[in-house]
Amino acid sequence: MALRGILVLELSGLAPGPFCGMILADFGAQVVRVDRPGSRGDGGVMSRGKRSLVLDLKQPRGVSVLRRLCARADVLLEPFRCGVMEKMQLGPEILRRENPRLIYARLTGFGQSGKFARVAGHDINYLALSGGGNCVSEFLSLENSEIGTVGTSSRKEPVRRWSTFLRDIQDCGRGVHGCGSNRTSVLSAAD
């Protein structure tokens, strides 16, 4: 296997981290998922090929254990919002000083700097901010090239409405909604 001998630590989080860890495990890396106390863990397909460990990173002992693991690891997959790891003294500057070969992969939605850095990033947020909500209905339609469109997904309307709603909230913060916004309003999207 291409990644045999590589140790990956995956801090539990939403889909990007577990998916990345699963692919690395598929290529032979030893992946250890670090779960929170009380979590059910991930028993789904994205846990294949992984080991798991429960650490309470809100306690000094849990932080100490993770720090020792990072000293031997090759990769750390970190899914938290901006500043969380630094608050625990587990930021990349500290861990890479102790282990210069550590690849510190941050999988945050909006990155570590900028206006949205401290905001959770999820698919619906990205749709709302990018204007992609306008394309959801086309993306979810079922089409047959010979006879044209044959149906639509039952989920498209709620997704379209929520993405429009979130986009309008974003525009309100900029003072755009109701002031010449060219975006679809919540009420017209719900019709």
N, C-alpha and C. Protein backbone atom coordinates (compact mmCIF):
# COMPACT_ATOMS: atom_id res chain seq x y z
N MET A 1 0.83 -1.18 0.00
CA MET A 1 0.00 0.00 0.00
C MET A 1 0.88 1.25 0.00
N ALA A 2 0.44 2.26 -0.69
CA ALA A 2 1.23 3.47 -0.90
C ALA A 2 1.56 4.23 0.37
N LEU A 3 0.67 4.20 1.37
CA LEU A 3 0.88 5.00 2.58
C LEU A 3 1.20 4.15 3.81
N ARG A 4 1.61 2.91 3.59
CA ARG A 4 1.96 2.06 4.73
C ARG A 4 3.06 2.73 5.55
N GLY A 5 2.89 2.73 6.87
CA GLY A 5 3.87 3.34 7.76
C GLY A 5 3.57 4.80 8.09
N ILE A 6 2.54 5.37 7.49
CA ILE A 6 2.14 6.76 7.76
C ILE A 6 1.08 6.75 8.86
N LEU A 7 1.29 7.56 9.90
CA LEU A 7 0.33 7.67 11.00
C LEU A 7 -0.45 8.97 10.85
N VAL A 8 -1.78 8.82 10.77
CA VAL A 8 -2.69 9.96 10.61
C VAL A 8 -3.58 10.04 11.85
N LEU A 9 -3.65 11.23 12.45
CA LEU A 9 -4.58 11.48 13.55
C LEU A 9 -5.72 12.30 12.99
N GLU A 10 -6.93 11.80 13.15
CA GLU A 10 -8.13 12.48 12.65
C GLU A 10 -8.97 12.92 13.84
N LEU A 11 -9.05 14.21 14.09
CA LEU A 11 -9.91 14.70 15.16
C LEU A 11 -11.35 14.64 14.67
N SER A 12 -12.22 14.07 15.49
CA SER A 12 -13.59 13.84 15.03
C SER A 12 -14.28 15.13 14.66
N GLY A 13 -15.03 15.07 13.60
CA GLY A 13 -15.76 16.22 13.09
C GLY A 13 -16.71 15.77 12.01
N LEU A 14 -17.18 16.72 11.23
CA LEU A 14 -18.13 16.42 10.16
C LEU A 14 -17.42 15.81 8.96
N ALA A 15 -18.14 15.57 7.92
CA ALA A 15 -17.73 14.75 6.78
C ALA A 15 -16.35 14.98 6.18
N PRO A 16 -15.84 16.19 6.00
CA PRO A 16 -14.55 16.31 5.32
C PRO A 16 -13.41 15.55 6.00
N GLY A 17 -13.31 15.64 7.33
CA GLY A 17 -12.24 14.94 8.06
C GLY A 17 -12.36 13.43 7.96
N PRO A 18 -13.54 12.87 8.31
CA PRO A 18 -13.69 11.42 8.19
C PRO A 18 -13.51 10.91 6.76
N PHE A 19 -13.97 11.67 5.77
CA PHE A 19 -13.81 11.24 4.38
C PHE A 19 -12.33 11.22 4.00
N CYS A 20 -11.61 12.27 4.36
CA CYS A 20 -10.18 12.33 4.08
C CYS A 20 -9.46 11.18 4.78
N GLY A 21 -9.78 10.97 6.07
CA GLY A 21 -9.17 9.87 6.82
C GLY A 21 -9.45 8.51 6.19
N MET A 22 -10.68 8.32 5.70
CA MET A 22 -11.05 7.06 5.07
C MET A 22 -10.20 6.81 3.81
N ILE A 23 -10.02 7.83 3.01
CA ILE A 23 -9.22 7.68 1.79
C ILE A 23 -7.77 7.36 2.15
N LEU A 24 -7.23 8.07 3.15
CA LEU A 24 -5.85 7.80 3.56
C LEU A 24 -5.72 6.36 4.09
N ALA A 25 -6.72 5.89 4.85
CA ALA A 25 -6.71 4.50 5.34
C ALA A 25 -6.80 3.53 4.18
N ASP A 26 -7.61 3.84 3.18
CA ASP A 26 -7.73 2.98 2.00
C ASP A 26 -6.40 2.82 1.29
N PHE A 27 -5.55 3.84 1.37
CA PHE A 27 -4.23 3.77 0.73
C PHE A 27 -3.15 3.24 1.68
N GLY A 28 -3.57 2.72 2.84
CA GLY A 28 -2.63 2.04 3.71
C GLY A 28 -2.15 2.78 4.94
N ALA A 29 -2.56 4.03 5.11
CA ALA A 29 -2.13 4.78 6.31
C ALA A 29 -2.80 4.20 7.55
N GLN A 30 -2.11 4.30 8.66
CA GLN A 30 -2.72 3.94 9.95
C GLN A 30 -3.43 5.19 10.44
N VAL A 31 -4.76 5.15 10.46
CA VAL A 31 -5.56 6.31 10.84
C VAL A 31 -6.17 6.06 12.21
N VAL A 32 -5.94 7.01 13.11
CA VAL A 32 -6.53 6.94 14.46
C VAL A 32 -7.48 8.12 14.58
N ARG A 33 -8.75 7.80 14.74
CA ARG A 33 -9.77 8.83 14.93
C ARG A 33 -9.85 9.17 16.41
N VAL A 34 -9.76 10.45 16.75
CA VAL A 34 -9.83 10.89 18.14
C VAL A 34 -11.24 11.43 18.38
N ASP A 35 -12.01 10.67 19.17
CA ASP A 35 -13.41 11.03 19.46
C ASP A 35 -13.52 11.78 20.77
N ARG A 36 -14.62 12.52 20.92
CA ARG A 36 -14.94 13.21 22.16
C ARG A 36 -15.57 12.23 23.14
N PRO A 37 -15.40 12.43 24.44
CA PRO A 37 -16.08 11.57 25.42
C PRO A 37 -17.60 11.68 25.25
N GLY A 38 -18.25 10.54 25.33
CA GLY A 38 -19.71 10.53 25.21
C GLY A 38 -20.22 10.46 23.79
N SER A 39 -19.33 10.62 22.81
CA SER A 39 -19.79 10.53 21.42
C SER A 39 -19.97 9.07 21.06
N ARG A 40 -20.87 8.83 20.14
CA ARG A 40 -21.12 7.46 19.69
C ARG A 40 -20.03 6.98 18.75
N GLY A 41 -19.17 7.89 18.34
CA GLY A 41 -18.16 7.52 17.35
C GLY A 41 -18.81 7.42 15.99
N ASP A 42 -18.06 7.04 15.02
CA ASP A 42 -18.57 6.91 13.66
C ASP A 42 -18.53 5.45 13.27
N GLY A 43 -19.68 4.81 13.30
CA GLY A 43 -19.74 3.40 12.92
C GLY A 43 -20.04 3.20 11.46
N GLY A 44 -20.10 4.29 10.70
CA GLY A 44 -20.45 4.23 9.29
C GLY A 44 -19.29 3.83 8.40
N VAL A 45 -19.54 3.94 7.11
CA VAL A 45 -18.56 3.51 6.12
C VAL A 45 -17.26 4.33 6.22
N MET A 46 -17.36 5.58 6.68
CA MET A 46 -16.15 6.41 6.73
C MET A 46 -15.22 6.03 7.88
N SER A 47 -15.61 5.05 8.69
CA SER A 47 -14.72 4.60 9.78
C SER A 47 -13.91 3.37 9.38
N ARG A 48 -14.11 2.90 8.15
CA ARG A 48 -13.41 1.69 7.73
C ARG A 48 -11.89 1.90 7.75
N GLY A 49 -11.22 0.89 8.25
CA GLY A 49 -9.76 0.91 8.28
C GLY A 49 -9.15 1.79 9.35
N LYS A 50 -9.97 2.30 10.26
CA LYS A 50 -9.46 3.22 11.28
C LYS A 50 -9.55 2.59 12.66
N ARG A 51 -8.69 3.08 13.53
CA ARG A 51 -8.80 2.80 14.96
C ARG A 51 -9.41 4.04 15.59
N SER A 52 -9.89 3.90 16.81
CA SER A 52 -10.42 5.09 17.47
C SER A 52 -9.93 5.18 18.90
N LEU A 53 -9.93 6.39 19.39
CA LEU A 53 -9.44 6.71 20.72
C LEU A 53 -10.32 7.83 21.25
N VAL A 54 -10.70 7.76 22.52
CA VAL A 54 -11.49 8.82 23.13
C VAL A 54 -10.58 9.68 23.98
N LEU A 55 -10.57 10.99 23.70
CA LEU A 55 -9.79 11.95 24.48
C LEU A 55 -10.66 13.15 24.79
N ASP A 56 -10.58 13.64 26.01
CA ASP A 56 -11.27 14.86 26.39
C ASP A 56 -10.29 16.02 26.24
N LEU A 57 -10.39 16.72 25.12
CA LEU A 57 -9.46 17.81 24.84
C LEU A 57 -9.77 19.07 25.65
N LYS A 58 -10.81 19.02 26.46
CA LYS A 58 -11.10 20.14 27.37
C LYS A 58 -10.37 19.97 28.69
N GLN A 59 -9.69 18.84 28.83
CA GLN A 59 -8.92 18.55 30.05
C GLN A 59 -7.43 18.54 29.71
N PRO A 60 -6.59 19.02 30.62
CA PRO A 60 -5.14 19.04 30.36
C PRO A 60 -4.57 17.66 30.02
N ARG A 61 -5.09 16.63 30.64
CA ARG A 61 -4.57 15.28 30.37
C ARG A 61 -4.85 14.85 28.92
N GLY A 62 -6.04 15.16 28.43
CA GLY A 62 -6.37 14.83 27.04
C GLY A 62 -5.51 15.58 26.06
N VAL A 63 -5.27 16.86 26.35
CA VAL A 63 -4.40 17.69 25.50
C VAL A 63 -2.99 17.12 25.48
N SER A 64 -2.51 16.70 26.66
CA SER A 64 -1.16 16.14 26.78
C SER A 64 -1.02 14.86 25.96
N VAL A 65 -2.03 14.01 26.01
CA VAL A 65 -1.99 12.75 25.23
C VAL A 65 -1.96 13.06 23.74
N LEU A 66 -2.81 13.98 23.30
CA LEU A 66 -2.84 14.32 21.87
C LEU A 66 -1.50 14.93 21.44
N ARG A 67 -0.93 15.72 22.28
CA ARG A 67 0.36 16.34 21.97
C ARG A 67 1.44 15.27 21.78
N ARG A 68 1.45 14.26 22.66
CA ARG A 68 2.43 13.16 22.53
C ARG A 68 2.18 12.37 21.25
N LEU A 69 0.90 12.16 20.91
CA LEU A 69 0.59 11.45 19.66
C LEU A 69 1.06 12.25 18.45
N CYS A 70 0.85 13.55 18.49
CA CYS A 70 1.27 14.41 17.37
C CYS A 70 2.78 14.43 17.20
N ALA A 71 3.51 14.20 18.28
CA ALA A 71 4.97 14.17 18.20
C ALA A 71 5.46 13.00 17.35
N ARG A 72 4.64 11.93 17.23
CA ARG A 72 5.01 10.76 16.43
C ARG A 72 4.27 10.69 15.10
N ALA A 73 3.21 11.49 14.95
CA ALA A 73 2.33 11.38 13.78
C ALA A 73 2.95 12.03 12.56
N ASP A 74 2.42 11.63 11.41
CA ASP A 74 2.83 12.23 10.14
C ASP A 74 1.82 13.29 9.70
N VAL A 75 0.53 13.07 10.03
CA VAL A 75 -0.54 13.96 9.58
C VAL A 75 -1.54 14.16 10.71
N LEU A 76 -2.03 15.39 10.84
CA LEU A 76 -3.13 15.70 11.76
C LEU A 76 -4.24 16.33 10.94
N LEU A 77 -5.44 15.73 10.99
CA LEU A 77 -6.62 16.28 10.32
C LEU A 77 -7.45 17.00 11.38
N GLU A 78 -7.53 18.32 11.29
CA GLU A 78 -8.17 19.14 12.32
C GLU A 78 -9.37 19.88 11.74
N PRO A 79 -10.60 19.64 12.28
CA PRO A 79 -11.81 20.22 11.70
C PRO A 79 -12.41 21.41 12.44
N PHE A 80 -11.73 21.95 13.43
CA PHE A 80 -12.36 22.94 14.31
C PHE A 80 -12.33 24.35 13.74
N ARG A 81 -13.16 25.19 14.34
CA ARG A 81 -13.20 26.60 13.93
C ARG A 81 -11.89 27.29 14.31
N CYS A 82 -11.69 28.42 13.69
CA CYS A 82 -10.51 29.24 13.92
C CYS A 82 -10.30 29.50 15.41
N GLY A 83 -9.08 29.26 15.89
CA GLY A 83 -8.71 29.58 17.26
C GLY A 83 -8.91 28.48 18.29
N VAL A 84 -9.66 27.44 17.96
CA VAL A 84 -9.95 26.38 18.94
C VAL A 84 -8.67 25.65 19.33
N MET A 85 -7.88 25.23 18.36
CA MET A 85 -6.65 24.48 18.66
C MET A 85 -5.62 25.38 19.35
N GLU A 86 -5.56 26.63 18.97
CA GLU A 86 -4.62 27.56 19.61
C GLU A 86 -4.97 27.75 21.07
N LYS A 87 -6.26 27.80 21.40
CA LYS A 87 -6.68 27.96 22.78
C LYS A 87 -6.22 26.79 23.65
N MET A 88 -6.12 25.60 23.04
CA MET A 88 -5.66 24.41 23.78
C MET A 88 -4.15 24.22 23.68
N GLN A 89 -3.45 25.19 23.10
CA GLN A 89 -2.01 25.09 22.88
C GLN A 89 -1.66 23.92 21.96
N LEU A 90 -2.52 23.70 20.94
CA LEU A 90 -2.31 22.63 19.96
C LEU A 90 -2.28 23.18 18.53
N GLY A 91 -1.99 24.45 18.38
CA GLY A 91 -1.93 25.05 17.05
C GLY A 91 -0.76 24.53 16.25
N PRO A 92 -0.75 24.81 14.95
CA PRO A 92 0.31 24.27 14.09
C PRO A 92 1.70 24.76 14.46
N GLU A 93 1.83 26.00 14.92
CA GLU A 93 3.16 26.50 15.28
C GLU A 93 3.77 25.68 16.41
N ILE A 94 2.96 25.35 17.40
CA ILE A 94 3.44 24.58 18.56
C ILE A 94 3.72 23.14 18.17
N LEU A 95 2.76 22.49 17.53
CA LEU A 95 2.93 21.07 17.20
C LEU A 95 4.03 20.84 16.17
N ARG A 96 4.18 21.76 15.22
CA ARG A 96 5.23 21.59 14.21
C ARG A 96 6.60 21.93 14.78
N ARG A 97 6.65 22.71 15.84
CA ARG A 97 7.94 22.94 16.51
C ARG A 97 8.40 21.64 17.16
N GLU A 98 7.45 20.89 17.71
CA GLU A 98 7.77 19.62 18.36
C GLU A 98 7.97 18.49 17.35
N ASN A 99 7.34 18.60 16.18
CA ASN A 99 7.44 17.58 15.14
C ASN A 99 7.45 18.29 13.78
N PRO A 100 8.61 18.69 13.29
CA PRO A 100 8.69 19.47 12.04
C PRO A 100 8.13 18.76 10.81
N ARG A 101 8.07 17.44 10.82
CA ARG A 101 7.56 16.72 9.64
C ARG A 101 6.05 16.56 9.66
N LEU A 102 5.38 17.03 10.72
CA LEU A 102 3.92 16.90 10.84
C LEU A 102 3.22 17.73 9.77
N ILE A 103 2.33 17.09 9.04
CA ILE A 103 1.46 17.79 8.10
C ILE A 103 0.19 18.12 8.87
N TYR A 104 -0.05 19.39 9.10
CA TYR A 104 -1.17 19.88 9.90
C TYR A 104 -2.25 20.34 8.93
N ALA A 105 -3.26 19.51 8.71
CA ALA A 105 -4.30 19.81 7.72
C ALA A 105 -5.53 20.37 8.42
N ARG A 106 -5.81 21.63 8.16
CA ARG A 106 -6.98 22.29 8.74
C ARG A 106 -8.13 22.18 7.74
N LEU A 107 -9.22 21.61 8.20
CA LEU A 107 -10.38 21.39 7.33
C LEU A 107 -11.55 22.26 7.78
N THR A 108 -11.29 23.54 7.96
CA THR A 108 -12.33 24.45 8.40
C THR A 108 -13.09 24.98 7.20
N GLY A 109 -14.36 25.27 7.41
CA GLY A 109 -15.22 25.70 6.31
C GLY A 109 -14.80 27.00 5.66
N PHE A 110 -14.52 28.02 6.45
CA PHE A 110 -14.22 29.33 5.91
C PHE A 110 -12.78 29.75 6.13
N GLY A 111 -11.91 28.82 6.51
CA GLY A 111 -10.51 29.13 6.66
C GLY A 111 -10.17 29.76 8.00
N GLN A 112 -8.96 30.25 8.13
CA GLN A 112 -8.46 30.78 9.39
C GLN A 112 -8.43 32.29 9.45
N SER A 113 -8.75 32.96 8.38
CA SER A 113 -8.76 34.42 8.40
C SER A 113 -9.94 34.92 7.58
N GLY A 114 -10.24 36.17 7.75
CA GLY A 114 -11.34 36.75 7.00
C GLY A 114 -12.60 36.89 7.83
N LYS A 115 -13.59 37.46 7.20
CA LYS A 115 -14.84 37.83 7.87
C LYS A 115 -15.59 36.65 8.47
N PHE A 116 -15.54 35.50 7.82
CA PHE A 116 -16.32 34.34 8.27
C PHE A 116 -15.47 33.28 8.98
N ALA A 117 -14.24 33.59 9.34
CA ALA A 117 -13.33 32.59 9.91
C ALA A 117 -13.88 31.93 11.17
N ARG A 118 -14.63 32.63 11.96
CA ARG A 118 -15.14 32.06 13.22
C ARG A 118 -16.54 31.49 13.08
N VAL A 119 -17.03 31.40 11.85
CA VAL A 119 -18.37 30.88 11.59
C VAL A 119 -18.26 29.44 11.11
N ALA A 120 -19.17 28.59 11.58
CA ALA A 120 -19.20 27.21 11.10
C ALA A 120 -19.54 27.20 9.61
N GLY A 121 -18.87 26.39 8.86
CA GLY A 121 -19.13 26.30 7.44
C GLY A 121 -19.79 24.98 7.10
N HIS A 122 -20.94 25.05 6.47
CA HIS A 122 -21.68 23.85 6.05
C HIS A 122 -22.22 24.09 4.65
N ASP A 123 -22.63 23.04 4.00
CA ASP A 123 -23.08 23.12 2.61
C ASP A 123 -24.14 24.20 2.41
N ILE A 124 -25.12 24.26 3.30
CA ILE A 124 -26.21 25.22 3.13
C ILE A 124 -25.69 26.65 3.23
N ASN A 125 -24.68 26.88 4.09
CA ASN A 125 -24.08 28.22 4.18
C ASN A 125 -23.40 28.59 2.87
N TYR A 126 -22.66 27.64 2.29
CA TYR A 126 -21.95 27.91 1.05
C TYR A 126 -22.93 28.21 -0.08
N LEU A 127 -24.02 27.44 -0.14
CA LEU A 127 -25.04 27.68 -1.15
C LEU A 127 -25.61 29.08 -1.00
N ALA A 128 -25.95 29.44 0.24
CA ALA A 128 -26.56 30.75 0.48
C ALA A 128 -25.63 31.89 0.12
N LEU A 129 -24.37 31.79 0.51
CA LEU A 129 -23.43 32.88 0.28
C LEU A 129 -23.00 33.00 -1.18
N SER A 130 -22.98 31.88 -1.87
CA SER A 130 -22.48 31.90 -3.25
C SER A 130 -23.56 32.20 -4.27
N GLY A 131 -24.81 32.18 -3.84
CA GLY A 131 -25.90 32.33 -4.80
C GLY A 131 -26.22 31.02 -5.48
N GLY A 132 -25.59 29.95 -5.04
CA GLY A 132 -25.82 28.64 -5.64
C GLY A 132 -27.22 28.12 -5.42
N GLY A 133 -27.95 28.74 -4.50
CA GLY A 133 -29.34 28.31 -4.26
C GLY A 133 -30.18 28.42 -5.50
N ASN A 134 -29.83 29.35 -6.39
CA ASN A 134 -30.58 29.51 -7.63
C ASN A 134 -30.42 28.31 -8.55
N CYS A 135 -29.34 27.55 -8.39
CA CYS A 135 -29.07 26.42 -9.26
C CYS A 135 -29.52 25.10 -8.67
N VAL A 136 -29.96 25.10 -7.42
CA VAL A 136 -30.32 23.84 -6.76
C VAL A 136 -31.41 23.10 -7.51
N SER A 137 -32.44 23.83 -7.95
CA SER A 137 -33.55 23.14 -8.61
C SER A 137 -33.09 22.47 -9.91
N GLU A 138 -32.20 23.12 -10.67
CA GLU A 138 -31.70 22.50 -11.90
C GLU A 138 -30.83 21.28 -11.57
N PHE A 139 -30.03 21.41 -10.52
CA PHE A 139 -29.13 20.32 -10.13
C PHE A 139 -29.92 19.09 -9.71
N LEU A 140 -31.04 19.29 -9.01
CA LEU A 140 -31.79 18.16 -8.47
C LEU A 140 -32.88 17.64 -9.41
N SER A 141 -33.02 18.20 -10.59
CA SER A 141 -34.06 17.69 -11.49
C SER A 141 -33.58 16.40 -12.14
N LEU A 142 -34.54 15.54 -12.43
CA LEU A 142 -34.25 14.26 -13.07
C LEU A 142 -34.54 14.41 -14.55
N GLU A 143 -33.57 14.11 -15.38
CA GLU A 143 -33.74 14.38 -16.79
C GLU A 143 -33.39 13.16 -17.63
N ASN A 144 -34.15 12.97 -18.69
CA ASN A 144 -33.90 11.93 -19.66
C ASN A 144 -33.66 12.66 -20.98
N SER A 145 -32.52 12.44 -21.61
CA SER A 145 -32.16 13.21 -22.80
C SER A 145 -33.12 12.98 -23.96
N GLU A 146 -33.79 11.84 -23.99
CA GLU A 146 -34.70 11.56 -25.11
C GLU A 146 -36.03 12.27 -24.98
N ILE A 147 -36.56 12.34 -23.75
CA ILE A 147 -37.89 12.93 -23.59
C ILE A 147 -37.90 14.19 -22.75
N GLY A 148 -36.72 14.66 -22.35
CA GLY A 148 -36.65 15.88 -21.54
C GLY A 148 -36.81 15.57 -20.06
N THR A 149 -37.17 16.57 -19.29
CA THR A 149 -37.28 16.41 -17.85
C THR A 149 -38.44 15.48 -17.51
N VAL A 150 -38.18 14.52 -16.63
CA VAL A 150 -39.22 13.56 -16.24
C VAL A 150 -39.65 13.70 -14.80
N GLY A 151 -39.03 14.54 -14.03
CA GLY A 151 -39.44 14.71 -12.64
C GLY A 151 -38.41 15.52 -11.88
N THR A 152 -38.75 15.82 -10.64
CA THR A 152 -37.83 16.58 -9.81
C THR A 152 -37.74 15.92 -8.44
N SER A 153 -36.69 16.22 -7.76
CA SER A 153 -36.48 15.68 -6.42
C SER A 153 -37.45 16.32 -5.45
N SER A 154 -37.94 15.54 -4.50
CA SER A 154 -38.86 16.07 -3.51
C SER A 154 -38.16 17.00 -2.53
N ARG A 155 -36.83 17.00 -2.51
CA ARG A 155 -36.09 17.83 -1.56
C ARG A 155 -35.71 19.18 -2.13
N LYS A 156 -35.93 19.43 -3.38
CA LYS A 156 -35.41 20.67 -3.96
C LYS A 156 -36.07 21.90 -3.39
N GLU A 157 -37.36 21.89 -3.16
CA GLU A 157 -38.04 23.09 -2.69
C GLU A 157 -37.56 23.52 -1.30
N PRO A 158 -37.51 22.61 -0.30
CA PRO A 158 -36.99 23.07 1.01
C PRO A 158 -35.56 23.58 0.94
N VAL A 159 -34.72 22.93 0.14
CA VAL A 159 -33.33 23.37 0.02
C VAL A 159 -33.27 24.74 -0.63
N ARG A 160 -34.06 24.96 -1.67
CA ARG A 160 -34.09 26.26 -2.35
C ARG A 160 -34.56 27.35 -1.40
N ARG A 161 -35.60 27.06 -0.64
CA ARG A 161 -36.13 28.07 0.29
C ARG A 161 -35.13 28.40 1.39
N TRP A 162 -34.51 27.36 1.95
CA TRP A 162 -33.54 27.63 3.02
C TRP A 162 -32.32 28.38 2.51
N SER A 163 -31.83 28.00 1.35
CA SER A 163 -30.65 28.69 0.83
C SER A 163 -30.98 30.13 0.49
N THR A 164 -32.19 30.38 -0.03
CA THR A 164 -32.61 31.76 -0.30
C THR A 164 -32.75 32.54 0.99
N PHE A 165 -33.35 31.91 1.98
CA PHE A 165 -33.51 32.56 3.29
C PHE A 165 -32.16 32.95 3.87
N LEU A 166 -31.20 32.03 3.87
CA LEU A 166 -29.88 32.32 4.42
C LEU A 166 -29.16 33.38 3.61
N ARG A 167 -29.32 33.34 2.29
CA ARG A 167 -28.69 34.36 1.44
C ARG A 167 -29.29 35.73 1.75
N ASP A 168 -30.62 35.77 1.95
CA ASP A 168 -31.27 37.05 2.27
C ASP A 168 -30.81 37.58 3.62
N ILE A 169 -30.61 36.70 4.57
CA ILE A 169 -30.09 37.14 5.87
C ILE A 169 -28.71 37.76 5.68
N GLN A 170 -27.89 37.12 4.84
CA GLN A 170 -26.57 37.65 4.55
C GLN A 170 -26.68 39.03 3.92
N ASP A 171 -27.60 39.21 2.97
CA ASP A 171 -27.78 40.50 2.33
C ASP A 171 -28.26 41.54 3.33
N CYS A 172 -29.11 41.15 4.28
CA CYS A 172 -29.59 42.09 5.29
C CYS A 172 -28.41 42.66 6.08
N GLY A 173 -27.45 41.83 6.40
CA GLY A 173 -26.28 42.28 7.13
C GLY A 173 -25.47 43.30 6.34
N ARG A 174 -25.55 43.24 5.02
CA ARG A 174 -24.84 44.18 4.18
C ARG A 174 -25.72 45.37 3.79
N GLY A 175 -26.98 45.32 4.25
CA GLY A 175 -27.91 46.40 3.89
C GLY A 175 -28.35 46.31 2.45
N VAL A 176 -28.33 45.12 1.85
CA VAL A 176 -28.68 44.98 0.45
C VAL A 176 -30.15 44.64 0.27
N HIS A 177 -30.67 43.73 1.08
CA HIS A 177 -32.05 43.25 0.90
C HIS A 177 -33.03 44.40 1.02
N GLY A 178 -33.89 44.54 0.07
CA GLY A 178 -34.87 45.62 0.08
C GLY A 178 -34.28 46.92 -0.43
N CYS A 179 -33.03 46.91 -0.81
CA CYS A 179 -32.38 48.13 -1.29
C CYS A 179 -31.80 47.88 -2.67
N GLY A 180 -32.61 47.38 -3.55
CA GLY A 180 -32.14 47.15 -4.91
C GLY A 180 -31.44 45.81 -5.08
N SER A 181 -31.65 44.86 -4.16
CA SER A 181 -31.04 43.55 -4.29
C SER A 181 -31.59 42.85 -5.52
N ASN A 182 -30.73 42.21 -6.28
CA ASN A 182 -31.19 41.46 -7.44
C ASN A 182 -31.41 39.99 -7.11
N ARG A 183 -31.39 39.66 -5.84
CA ARG A 183 -31.57 38.27 -5.42
C ARG A 183 -33.03 38.01 -5.15
N THR A 184 -33.44 36.76 -5.27
CA THR A 184 -34.82 36.37 -5.02
C THR A 184 -35.13 36.52 -3.54
N SER A 185 -36.24 37.14 -3.22
CA SER A 185 -36.60 37.32 -1.81
C SER A 185 -37.14 36.03 -1.24
N VAL A 186 -37.17 35.95 0.10
CA VAL A 186 -37.68 34.77 0.78
C VAL A 186 -39.11 34.50 0.40
N LEU A 187 -39.96 35.53 0.37
CA LEU A 187 -41.38 35.32 0.08
C LEU A 187 -41.61 34.84 -1.34
N SER A 188 -40.92 35.40 -2.31
CA SER A 188 -41.15 34.95 -3.67
C SER A 188 -40.59 33.55 -3.88
N ALA A 189 -39.54 33.18 -3.17
CA ALA A 189 -39.00 31.83 -3.29
C ALA A 189 -39.95 30.81 -2.69
N ALA A 190 -40.71 31.22 -1.70
CA ALA A 190 -41.62 30.29 -1.02
C ALA A 190 -42.93 30.10 -1.78
N ASP A 191 -43.21 30.96 -2.77
CA ASP A 191 -44.47 30.84 -3.53
C ASP A 191 -44.52 29.57 -4.34
